[in-house]
Amino acid sequence: MHTAGFAPLQYQGSDELQLAGGDRVGLPAHASDRFGICLHADLRAALDDPRGRAVRIPAGEMFHLPAGRAAAIEQLSSGRASLLLVSFSGLSREEKEGGRMAPGGIQRFRVPQMKNWVSEFTGTLAADWSLPDYYQAQSRLYAIASAYTNARLHPARDEAELTDCLEQTRQRIRDNYDAALDMEELARNSGVSSTRFYKMFRKMTGLSPLKYLTTRRLSASLRLLADPNVSVTEAAHSVGYPDEYYFSRLFKKQMGLTPTDYASRAQVSVAALCAIFRGDLAVLGITPRVTLTRDWDLETDNLEQYLQEIREARPDRILSGPLADDLIAELRTIAPLTVYRWHDHSWKKRLADFAELLGLESVARRWLADFESKSDNARQHVEERLQDTPFLIVGVRQGNFRVYGKLRRKFTDLLYDELHFQAPPAADEIGFLDKPDVREVMELNSEHVLFLIEFPADDEFCAGLERQWKSKPGERRCMFIRLGEPFLYNAEMHERLVDQIVDYLFSDDRTK
């Protein structure tokens, strides 16, 4: 029994096309509608319409090619990949034309289960199928058609355009957090429904727009309240709260202590003699009075100069990594000293320990809760977009490539353990390994790499590095996270890394 106006679907067969990297092939018009998918390479596709533009189709996403239309398909990766085309009949006029036509006439859509179904459409001719095989193919076809039709009937704004709008909104909040911002107005200006705007903003940042704004404002207020020359009222007005009483209530609710209590604890002069500690103190709102460079204690000719700098700062407290006994004794004549063996602990424990030392435990808990929201969101992006693809982690500095393995806590606890990046076999026995050239990194037999660019590299450098990595045969992928400076194992840098990973994965155009 069929519902009036809806024709039954009929599976007609499948074809596989093998595409080499950079191939551009023309598909002649076909008598049947077709659904296509390429699991291991990004494609660019367009119909035979000179007015339409090509549509990028990320690996693993499906697309529809309407009957009677020729198309051009370009394979965007360097290795070989297989394109599956499933032919069928019965798609109704309403299903074809429902919703807005996608740019270029190509409709992209997601069917997460399809990666497990591809094998069911390949390897055996439809004519040789058993009846259960045929019924199973029909059920898969209906599931695919349902996802396609839903995408047609509920068209989204062009993803690249929406992503740009969301980034502009996020940047507006960052730059104008001290101004009056109407979240509903921001949603209306996005060009999509409020529900979709809020959902996509949370997907981009891990936070709702209001939570993102509140977090931005309260983080800025910490730095102001830590200044003895700034009153609570001035801090409230400076971050966008004209009612200081409302600000105080919100601050107490979020931070676990009043602005006055926070100020009394945060207005402390700290000398951070280990550069890594600066990023932990920063998320607590504290800027050290003194921060020394790495290995300052080994510069014997300059030791007295460093000690004099610390004395002149007149710190209330000194934080340091392990030092020689005589240097520790000298520092203790200046101010109370805490020697922290940071190599023995995770950055999260160090943040908690510093917060306890300064009486700011609730501030640290609030920051860690926000970080967990962001990392949970990042993990969903990693699992969705990378789908258990193993990536080697390589830090890139000028003249050096440092491979980080699973024996090195610096990246293992965040990228491999928390965000669920999959490690290739080559990483199992490595703490870190320095190589002078990327070609030596390629000898580790990992097809996919995450490059952490730890110096101010330009686009040309990254493009050249990608060409080198993909010059070796195979379906090789590389990601770029451009930190612009050496990665330090602290809270501030971890937050930055999570944000940049989500930024990279959020947009299809950034996923290579």
Protein backbone atom coordinates (compact mmCIF):
# COMPACT_ATOMS: atom_id res chain seq x y z
CA MET A 1 0.00 0.00 0.00
CA HIS A 2 1.43 3.35 -1.03
CA THR A 3 0.56 6.80 0.26
CA ALA A 4 -0.99 8.97 -2.47
CA GLY A 5 1.59 11.12 -4.23
CA PHE A 6 4.61 9.03 -3.19
CA ALA A 7 6.10 6.44 -5.53
CA PRO A 8 8.02 3.39 -4.24
CA LEU A 9 11.79 3.49 -4.59
CA GLN A 10 13.52 0.86 -6.69
CA TYR A 11 17.22 0.03 -6.34
CA GLN A 12 18.76 -0.40 -9.80
CA GLY A 13 22.46 -1.03 -9.19
CA SER A 14 25.77 0.44 -8.09
CA ASP A 15 28.95 1.57 -9.78
CA GLU A 16 32.41 2.21 -8.33
CA LEU A 17 34.79 4.74 -9.84
CA GLN A 18 38.45 4.76 -8.87
CA LEU A 19 39.75 8.32 -8.68
CA ALA A 20 43.39 9.33 -8.36
CA GLY A 21 44.34 12.47 -6.50
CA GLY A 22 43.53 15.56 -8.53
CA ASP A 23 41.42 13.64 -11.06
CA ARG A 24 38.53 15.51 -12.64
CA VAL A 25 36.05 13.26 -14.39
CA GLY A 26 32.88 13.98 -16.27
CA LEU A 27 29.82 11.85 -15.54
CA PRO A 28 27.38 11.76 -18.47
CA ALA A 29 23.68 12.24 -17.86
CA HIS A 30 22.10 9.11 -16.41
CA ALA A 31 18.54 7.87 -16.79
CA SER A 32 18.25 7.28 -13.03
CA ASP A 33 18.76 9.34 -9.91
CA ARG A 34 21.98 8.52 -8.08
CA PHE A 35 23.32 8.88 -4.57
CA GLY A 36 27.09 9.18 -4.29
CA ILE A 37 29.64 8.82 -1.49
CA CYS A 38 33.43 8.76 -1.21
CA LEU A 39 34.62 7.60 2.22
CA HIS A 40 38.29 8.49 2.02
CA ALA A 41 38.68 11.69 0.03
CA ASP A 42 37.04 15.08 -0.29
CA LEU A 43 35.35 15.79 -3.61
CA ARG A 44 34.21 18.83 -5.53
CA ALA A 45 31.09 18.31 -7.64
CA ALA A 46 28.92 20.38 -9.96
CA LEU A 47 26.11 19.75 -12.42
CA ASP A 48 26.14 20.85 -16.05
CA ASP A 49 24.97 24.35 -15.20
CA PRO A 50 27.33 27.24 -16.03
CA ARG A 51 25.56 29.44 -13.46
CA GLY A 52 26.05 27.00 -10.59
CA ARG A 53 29.21 26.75 -8.54
CA ALA A 54 30.98 23.57 -7.50
CA VAL A 55 30.12 22.14 -4.09
CA ARG A 56 32.75 20.70 -1.78
CA ILE A 57 31.75 17.28 -0.41
CA PRO A 58 33.77 16.15 2.60
CA ALA A 59 34.85 12.53 2.85
CA GLY A 60 32.00 10.42 4.20
CA GLU A 61 29.17 12.78 3.21
CA MET A 62 26.58 11.77 0.60
CA PHE A 63 25.25 13.76 -2.34
CA HIS A 64 22.47 13.45 -4.90
CA LEU A 65 22.85 13.56 -8.68
CA PRO A 66 19.45 14.04 -10.37
CA ALA A 67 18.43 11.95 -13.36
CA GLY A 68 19.14 13.44 -16.77
CA ARG A 69 21.96 15.74 -15.61
CA ALA A 70 25.63 15.41 -16.40
CA ALA A 71 28.11 16.23 -13.64
CA ALA A 72 31.81 16.90 -13.08
CA ILE A 73 33.59 15.33 -10.09
CA GLU A 74 37.04 16.33 -8.84
CA GLN A 75 39.03 14.30 -6.29
CA LEU A 76 40.76 16.72 -3.90
CA SER A 77 43.19 14.40 -2.07
CA SER A 78 46.49 13.03 -3.33
CA GLY A 79 45.93 9.27 -3.09
CA ARG A 80 43.46 7.01 -4.80
CA ALA A 81 39.87 6.77 -3.59
CA SER A 82 36.68 4.99 -4.56
CA LEU A 83 33.45 6.81 -5.44
CA LEU A 84 30.30 4.75 -5.00
CA LEU A 85 27.24 5.70 -7.08
CA VAL A 86 23.92 4.05 -6.16
CA SER A 87 21.30 4.23 -8.94
CA PHE A 88 17.57 4.08 -8.23
CA SER A 89 14.18 5.22 -9.47
CA GLY A 90 11.00 6.43 -7.83
CA LEU A 91 12.05 9.76 -6.31
CA SER A 92 8.93 11.90 -6.54
CA ARG A 93 8.82 15.39 -7.99
CA GLU A 94 8.03 16.78 -4.54
CA GLU A 95 11.04 15.04 -3.04
CA LYS A 96 13.32 16.30 -5.80
CA GLU A 97 12.16 19.89 -5.66
CA GLY A 98 11.34 20.29 -1.97
CA GLY A 99 13.30 23.05 -0.27
CA ARG A 100 15.88 25.35 -1.81
CA MET A 101 18.18 24.08 -4.52
CA ALA A 102 21.72 23.79 -3.19
CA PRO A 103 24.43 25.88 -4.91
CA GLY A 104 25.52 24.11 -8.08
CA GLY A 105 22.43 21.89 -7.95
CA ILE A 106 24.16 19.38 -5.66
CA GLN A 107 22.47 18.45 -2.38
CA ARG A 108 24.84 17.30 0.35
CA PHE A 109 23.57 15.36 3.33
CA ARG A 110 24.77 13.07 6.09
CA VAL A 111 24.02 9.39 6.68
CA PRO A 112 26.44 8.35 9.48
CA GLN A 113 25.61 4.64 9.04
CA MET A 114 26.60 4.69 5.36
CA LYS A 115 30.24 3.92 6.10
CA ASN A 116 29.02 0.52 7.35
CA TRP A 117 26.67 -0.01 4.41
CA VAL A 118 29.02 0.73 1.51
CA SER A 119 30.22 -2.88 1.32
CA GLU A 120 26.61 -4.04 0.91
CA PHE A 121 26.37 -2.14 -2.39
CA THR A 122 29.71 -3.30 -3.81
CA GLY A 123 31.40 -6.52 -4.81
CA THR A 124 28.30 -8.42 -5.98
CA LEU A 125 26.11 -7.75 -9.01
CA ALA A 126 22.53 -6.92 -8.10
CA ALA A 127 21.37 -9.70 -10.42
CA ASP A 128 23.17 -12.25 -8.23
CA TRP A 129 21.67 -11.10 -4.96
CA SER A 130 19.49 -13.29 -2.80
CA LEU A 131 16.09 -12.02 -1.79
CA PRO A 132 17.29 -11.02 1.73
CA ASP A 133 20.18 -9.06 0.14
CA TYR A 134 17.76 -7.23 -2.11
CA TYR A 135 15.38 -6.34 0.72
CA GLN A 136 18.29 -5.13 2.80
CA ALA A 137 19.50 -2.91 -0.06
CA GLN A 138 15.96 -1.54 -0.42
CA SER A 139 15.82 -0.72 3.31
CA ARG A 140 19.16 1.07 3.09
CA LEU A 141 17.95 2.99 0.05
CA TYR A 142 14.86 4.21 1.90
CA ALA A 143 16.99 5.33 4.87
CA ILE A 144 19.30 7.26 2.53
CA ALA A 145 16.34 8.81 0.68
CA SER A 146 14.81 9.84 4.01
CA ALA A 147 17.99 11.68 5.05
CA TYR A 148 18.21 13.28 1.60
CA THR A 149 14.58 14.41 1.62
CA ASN A 150 14.89 15.80 5.13
CA ALA A 151 17.86 17.85 4.00
CA ARG A 152 15.82 19.11 1.03
CA LEU A 153 12.72 20.00 3.03
CA HIS A 154 14.69 21.68 5.81
CA PRO A 155 17.41 23.46 3.86
CA ALA A 156 20.20 25.06 5.81
CA ARG A 157 21.84 28.29 4.93
CA ASP A 158 24.97 27.67 2.89
CA GLU A 159 27.37 26.15 5.43
CA ALA A 160 30.33 28.33 4.50
CA GLU A 161 28.16 31.44 4.76
CA LEU A 162 26.72 30.36 8.12
CA THR A 163 30.18 29.52 9.44
CA ASP A 164 31.41 32.98 8.48
CA CYS A 165 28.40 34.54 10.22
CA LEU A 166 29.02 32.53 13.39
CA GLU A 167 32.68 33.51 13.39
CA GLN A 168 31.71 37.16 12.99
CA THR A 169 29.29 36.79 15.91
CA ARG A 170 31.94 35.20 18.08
CA GLN A 171 34.44 37.90 17.16
CA ARG A 172 31.86 40.60 17.90
CA ILE A 173 31.34 39.16 21.38
CA ARG A 174 35.10 38.97 21.93
CA ASP A 175 35.69 42.56 20.85
CA ASN A 176 32.55 44.15 22.28
CA TYR A 177 31.83 42.14 25.43
CA ASP A 178 31.66 45.43 27.36
CA ALA A 179 28.75 46.69 25.21
CA ALA A 180 25.04 45.85 25.36
CA LEU A 181 24.57 42.80 23.14
CA ASP A 182 21.15 41.34 22.30
CA MET A 183 21.43 37.60 21.67
CA GLU A 184 18.11 37.47 19.82
CA GLU A 185 19.25 40.24 17.50
CA LEU A 186 22.46 38.33 16.79
CA ALA A 187 20.36 35.25 16.01
CA ARG A 188 18.08 37.18 13.64
CA ASN A 189 21.06 38.65 11.82
CA SER A 190 22.43 35.16 11.19
CA GLY A 191 19.78 34.50 8.53
CA VAL A 192 18.74 31.17 10.07
CA SER A 193 16.24 30.24 12.74
CA SER A 194 17.09 31.09 16.35
CA THR A 195 17.11 27.38 17.19
CA ARG A 196 19.65 26.61 14.47
CA PHE A 197 21.76 29.65 15.34
CA TYR A 198 22.01 28.65 18.99
CA LYS A 199 22.70 25.03 18.10
CA MET A 200 25.47 25.90 15.64
CA PHE A 201 27.03 28.48 17.94
CA ARG A 202 27.22 25.88 20.70
CA LYS A 203 28.73 23.44 18.21
CA MET A 204 31.39 26.00 17.29
CA THR A 205 32.30 27.11 20.82
CA GLY A 206 30.99 24.46 23.21
CA LEU A 207 28.95 27.19 24.92
CA SER A 208 25.68 29.02 24.29
CA PRO A 209 26.01 32.64 23.05
CA LEU A 210 24.94 34.00 26.45
CA LYS A 211 27.32 31.67 28.32
CA TYR A 212 30.11 32.63 25.92
CA LEU A 213 29.45 36.34 26.58
CA THR A 214 29.20 35.82 30.35
CA THR A 215 32.43 33.82 30.41
CA ARG A 216 34.20 36.49 28.39
CA ARG A 217 32.99 39.26 30.69
CA LEU A 218 33.77 37.49 33.95
CA SER A 219 37.23 36.44 32.76
CA ALA A 220 37.98 40.08 31.93
CA SER A 221 36.64 41.15 35.34
CA LEU A 222 39.13 38.86 37.08
CA ARG A 223 42.09 40.77 35.69
CA LEU A 224 40.49 44.08 36.70
CA LEU A 225 39.62 42.98 40.22
CA ALA A 226 43.17 41.72 40.71
CA ASP A 227 44.30 45.33 40.28
CA PRO A 228 44.17 47.18 43.65
CA ASN A 229 43.44 50.43 41.79
CA VAL A 230 40.13 49.15 40.33
CA SER A 231 36.94 49.07 42.41
CA VAL A 232 34.16 46.50 42.06
CA THR A 233 31.90 49.14 40.51
CA GLU A 234 34.56 50.13 37.96
CA ALA A 235 35.19 46.48 37.09
CA ALA A 236 31.46 45.82 36.61
CA HIS A 237 30.96 48.83 34.32
CA SER A 238 34.13 48.05 32.37
CA VAL A 239 32.94 44.57 31.36
CA GLY A 240 29.41 45.56 30.37
CA TYR A 241 27.35 45.41 33.58
CA PRO A 242 25.94 48.86 34.42
CA ASP A 243 24.34 47.41 37.58
CA GLU A 244 27.19 46.53 39.94
CA TYR A 245 24.80 44.70 42.27
CA TYR A 246 23.69 42.38 39.50
CA PHE A 247 27.35 41.90 38.57
CA SER A 248 28.21 40.97 42.16
CA ARG A 249 25.39 38.41 42.35
CA LEU A 250 26.36 36.90 38.99
CA PHE A 251 30.03 36.82 39.96
CA LYS A 252 29.25 35.06 43.25
CA LYS A 253 27.04 32.52 41.47
CA GLN A 254 29.65 31.75 38.81
CA MET A 255 32.87 32.08 40.76
CA GLY A 256 31.80 30.86 44.19
CA LEU A 257 32.92 34.00 46.02
CA THR A 258 32.10 37.70 45.95
CA PRO A 259 34.09 40.16 43.84
CA THR A 260 35.43 41.70 47.05
CA ASP A 261 36.57 38.32 48.39
CA TYR A 262 38.19 37.50 45.07
CA ALA A 263 40.00 40.84 44.97
CA SER A 264 41.36 40.37 48.50
CA ARG A 265 42.94 37.06 47.45
CA ALA A 266 43.98 37.91 43.90
CA GLN A 267 45.71 41.19 44.71
CA VAL A 268 48.89 39.33 45.43
CA SER A 269 52.30 39.99 43.93
CA VAL A 270 53.65 36.76 42.44
CA ALA A 271 57.04 35.98 40.95
CA ALA A 272 56.64 33.01 38.57
CA LEU A 273 60.14 31.70 37.95
CA CYS A 274 58.92 29.00 35.56
CA ALA A 275 57.44 30.40 32.34
CA ILE A 276 54.87 27.61 32.16
CA PHE A 277 53.19 28.83 35.34
CA ARG A 278 52.13 32.09 33.73
CA GLY A 279 49.37 30.38 31.75
CA ASP A 280 47.94 28.73 34.88
CA LEU A 281 47.86 31.99 36.80
CA ALA A 282 46.31 33.79 33.82
CA VAL A 283 43.07 31.78 33.96
CA LEU A 284 42.83 32.69 37.65
CA GLY A 285 43.08 36.35 36.68
CA ILE A 286 46.58 36.89 38.03
CA THR A 287 49.46 38.42 36.09
CA PRO A 288 52.84 37.64 37.70
CA ARG A 289 54.95 40.60 38.71
CA VAL A 290 58.03 38.69 37.50
CA THR A 291 58.30 35.90 34.92
CA LEU A 292 61.74 34.55 34.04
CA THR A 293 62.85 32.72 30.90
CA ARG A 294 63.38 28.98 30.71
CA ASP A 295 66.60 27.70 32.36
CA TRP A 296 67.39 31.09 33.89
CA ASP A 297 68.99 29.29 36.83
CA LEU A 298 71.64 27.78 34.53
CA GLU A 299 72.87 31.19 33.41
CA THR A 300 75.48 31.48 36.13
CA ASP A 301 76.85 34.78 34.84
CA ASN A 302 73.40 36.41 35.08
CA LEU A 303 72.10 34.85 38.29
CA GLU A 304 72.66 37.91 40.44
CA GLN A 305 70.88 40.09 37.91
CA TYR A 306 67.85 37.77 37.98
CA LEU A 307 67.84 37.71 41.78
CA GLN A 308 67.98 41.48 41.89
CA GLU A 309 65.00 41.68 39.52
CA ILE A 310 63.03 39.46 41.89
CA ARG A 311 64.06 41.53 44.94
CA GLU A 312 63.01 44.79 43.29
CA ALA A 313 59.58 43.35 42.46
CA ARG A 314 59.02 42.71 46.20
CA PRO A 315 56.75 39.70 45.60
CA ASP A 316 54.37 38.35 48.24
CA ARG A 317 54.99 34.84 46.95
CA ILE A 318 57.46 33.04 44.67
CA LEU A 319 56.53 30.01 42.53
CA SER A 320 59.33 27.96 41.04
CA GLY A 321 60.18 24.61 39.55
CA PRO A 322 63.01 22.51 41.05
CA LEU A 323 66.22 24.50 41.73
CA ALA A 324 69.60 23.98 43.36
CA ASP A 325 69.50 24.05 47.17
CA ASP A 326 71.62 27.21 47.48
CA LEU A 327 69.33 29.07 45.06
CA ILE A 328 66.25 27.93 46.95
CA ALA A 329 67.76 29.22 50.19
CA GLU A 330 68.49 32.60 48.58
CA LEU A 331 64.96 32.94 47.21
CA ARG A 332 63.47 32.19 50.62
CA THR A 333 65.20 35.26 51.99
CA ILE A 334 63.15 37.33 49.52
CA ALA A 335 59.61 35.90 49.96
CA PRO A 336 57.75 32.67 50.79
CA LEU A 337 58.71 30.13 48.15
CA THR A 338 56.74 27.21 46.70
CA VAL A 339 58.83 24.73 44.72
CA TYR A 340 56.55 22.79 42.38
CA ARG A 341 57.80 19.68 40.59
CA TRP A 342 55.59 20.26 37.58
CA HIS A 343 56.94 17.32 35.57
CA ASP A 344 55.32 15.00 38.11
CA HIS A 345 51.77 16.29 37.69
CA SER A 346 49.22 17.07 35.01
CA TRP A 347 48.46 20.69 34.20
CA LYS A 348 44.98 20.30 35.69
CA LYS A 349 46.40 19.22 39.04
CA ARG A 350 48.88 22.09 38.96
CA LEU A 351 46.07 24.57 38.31
CA ALA A 352 44.10 23.13 41.23
CA ASP A 353 47.16 23.25 43.48
CA PHE A 354 47.95 26.87 42.62
CA ALA A 355 44.30 27.83 43.15
CA GLU A 356 44.34 26.20 46.58
CA LEU A 357 47.57 27.99 47.45
CA LEU A 358 45.96 31.34 46.60
CA GLY A 359 42.51 30.57 48.03
CA LEU A 360 40.91 30.59 44.57
CA GLU A 361 39.68 27.00 44.35
CA SER A 362 36.17 27.95 43.24
CA VAL A 363 37.56 30.10 40.40
CA ALA A 364 39.61 27.15 39.16
CA ARG A 365 36.60 24.82 39.37
CA ARG A 366 34.51 27.22 37.33
CA TRP A 367 37.23 27.55 34.67
CA LEU A 368 37.71 23.77 34.51
CA ALA A 369 33.93 23.25 34.13
CA ASP A 370 33.92 25.59 31.11
CA PHE A 371 36.99 23.83 29.73
CA GLU A 372 35.27 20.45 30.08
CA SER A 373 32.31 21.78 28.07
CA LYS A 374 34.70 22.91 25.35
CA SER A 375 36.68 19.66 25.33
CA ASP A 376 33.47 17.57 25.22
CA ASN A 377 32.40 19.58 22.20
CA ALA A 378 35.83 19.17 20.59
CA ARG A 379 35.73 15.41 21.19
CA GLN A 380 32.40 15.18 19.34
CA HIS A 381 33.94 17.02 16.37
CA VAL A 382 36.97 14.71 16.38
CA GLU A 383 34.85 11.56 16.55
CA GLU A 384 32.44 12.80 13.88
CA ARG A 385 34.92 14.20 11.39
CA LEU A 386 37.98 11.97 11.83
CA GLN A 387 36.14 8.70 12.53
CA ASP A 388 38.96 6.75 14.22
CA THR A 389 41.54 7.89 11.66
CA PRO A 390 44.97 7.69 13.38
CA PHE A 391 46.98 10.92 13.42
CA LEU A 392 50.63 11.38 14.31
CA ILE A 393 51.20 14.55 16.36
CA VAL A 394 54.15 16.66 15.21
CA GLY A 395 55.25 19.98 16.68
CA VAL A 396 56.89 22.16 14.03
CA ARG A 397 59.48 24.77 14.90
CA GLN A 398 61.98 26.45 12.61
CA GLY A 399 64.46 23.76 11.62
CA ASN A 400 62.92 21.05 13.79
CA PHE A 401 60.05 18.56 13.74
CA ARG A 402 59.24 17.04 17.13
CA VAL A 403 57.12 13.89 17.02
CA TYR A 404 55.05 13.40 20.18
CA GLY A 405 54.12 9.86 21.14
CA LYS A 406 51.91 8.23 23.74
CA LEU A 407 54.70 8.10 26.31
CA ARG A 408 54.76 11.90 26.51
CA ARG A 409 52.12 13.44 28.80
CA LYS A 410 52.37 16.85 27.13
CA PHE A 411 49.93 15.95 24.35
CA THR A 412 48.75 12.45 25.22
CA ASP A 413 46.48 13.55 28.06
CA LEU A 414 44.63 16.08 25.90
CA LEU A 415 44.73 14.92 22.29
CA TYR A 416 44.85 11.14 22.63
CA ASP A 417 43.09 10.60 25.97
CA GLU A 418 40.63 13.48 26.30
CA LEU A 419 39.79 14.42 22.70
CA HIS A 420 40.03 10.83 21.41
CA PHE A 421 42.47 11.37 18.57
CA GLN A 422 43.55 7.90 17.51
CA ALA A 423 47.29 7.21 17.77
CA PRO A 424 49.09 5.37 14.96
CA PRO A 425 51.30 2.38 15.88
CA ALA A 426 54.38 4.57 15.41
CA ALA A 427 53.36 6.65 18.45
CA ASP A 428 53.09 3.76 20.90
CA GLU A 429 56.77 3.62 21.83
CA ILE A 430 57.66 7.31 21.49
CA GLY A 431 57.95 9.94 24.18
CA PHE A 432 59.20 12.57 21.77
CA LEU A 433 61.46 12.29 18.78
CA ASP A 434 63.23 15.19 17.03
CA LYS A 435 63.73 15.13 13.26
CA PRO A 436 65.41 17.85 11.16
CA ASP A 437 63.23 17.28 8.09
CA VAL A 438 59.63 16.26 7.45
CA ARG A 439 60.82 13.51 5.11
CA GLU A 440 62.32 11.72 8.11
CA VAL A 441 58.96 12.03 9.91
CA MET A 442 57.31 10.41 6.89
CA GLU A 443 59.53 7.36 7.38
CA LEU A 444 57.57 6.53 10.56
CA ASN A 445 54.88 5.08 8.27
CA SER A 446 51.97 7.12 9.54
CA GLU A 447 49.65 8.22 6.74
CA HIS A 448 47.97 11.07 8.62
CA VAL A 449 49.51 13.88 10.65
CA LEU A 450 48.48 16.76 12.89
CA PHE A 451 51.04 19.55 12.54
CA LEU A 452 51.20 21.97 15.48
CA ILE A 453 52.95 25.01 14.01
CA GLU A 454 54.86 26.53 16.94
CA PHE A 455 56.25 29.64 15.24
CA PRO A 456 54.74 32.43 13.07
CA ALA A 457 54.64 30.46 9.81
CA ASP A 458 52.93 31.88 6.73
CA ASP A 459 50.44 30.19 4.40
CA GLU A 460 53.14 29.36 1.88
CA PHE A 461 55.11 27.39 4.48
CA CYS A 462 52.06 25.32 5.45
CA ALA A 463 51.11 24.71 1.81
CA GLY A 464 54.63 23.50 1.04
CA LEU A 465 54.59 21.21 4.07
CA GLU A 466 51.27 19.74 2.95
CA ARG A 467 52.61 19.11 -0.57
CA GLN A 468 55.59 17.26 0.87
CA TRP A 469 53.44 15.15 3.16
CA LYS A 470 51.05 14.17 0.38
CA SER A 471 53.80 13.47 -2.15
CA LYS A 472 54.09 9.91 -0.83
CA PRO A 473 51.58 7.45 -2.35
CA GLY A 474 48.43 6.75 -0.37
CA GLU A 475 45.38 8.55 0.97
CA ARG A 476 47.39 10.87 3.20
CA ARG A 477 45.77 13.63 5.28
CA CYS A 478 47.26 16.44 7.28
CA MET A 479 45.81 19.00 9.69
CA PHE A 480 47.37 22.31 10.69
CA ILE A 481 46.94 24.00 14.07
CA ARG A 482 48.83 27.29 13.95
CA LEU A 483 49.79 28.24 17.51
CA GLY A 484 52.42 30.77 16.43
CA GLU A 485 54.56 30.09 19.52
CA PRO A 486 55.94 27.08 21.44
CA PHE A 487 53.27 25.04 23.16
CA LEU A 488 53.52 25.34 26.93
CA TYR A 489 51.97 22.72 29.18
CA ASN A 490 49.52 24.96 31.03
CA ALA A 491 45.82 25.80 31.29
CA GLU A 492 45.79 28.83 28.99
CA MET A 493 47.56 26.98 26.16
CA HIS A 494 45.30 23.93 26.44
CA GLU A 495 42.22 26.11 26.09
CA ARG A 496 43.72 27.75 23.02
CA LEU A 497 44.56 24.39 21.46
CA VAL A 498 41.03 23.04 21.99
CA ASP A 499 39.52 26.20 20.47
CA GLN A 500 41.73 25.97 17.39
CA ILE A 501 41.02 22.27 16.84
CA VAL A 502 37.28 22.98 16.85
CA ASP A 503 37.77 25.96 14.53
CA TYR A 504 39.65 23.71 12.12
CA LEU A 505 37.14 20.87 12.17
CA PHE A 506 34.00 23.00 12.29
CA SER A 507 34.27 24.23 8.72
CA ASP A 508 34.33 21.78 5.82
CA ASP A 509 36.66 24.10 3.97
CA ARG A 510 39.30 23.75 6.69
CA THR A 511 39.26 19.95 6.71
CA LYS A 512 41.80 18.67 4.26
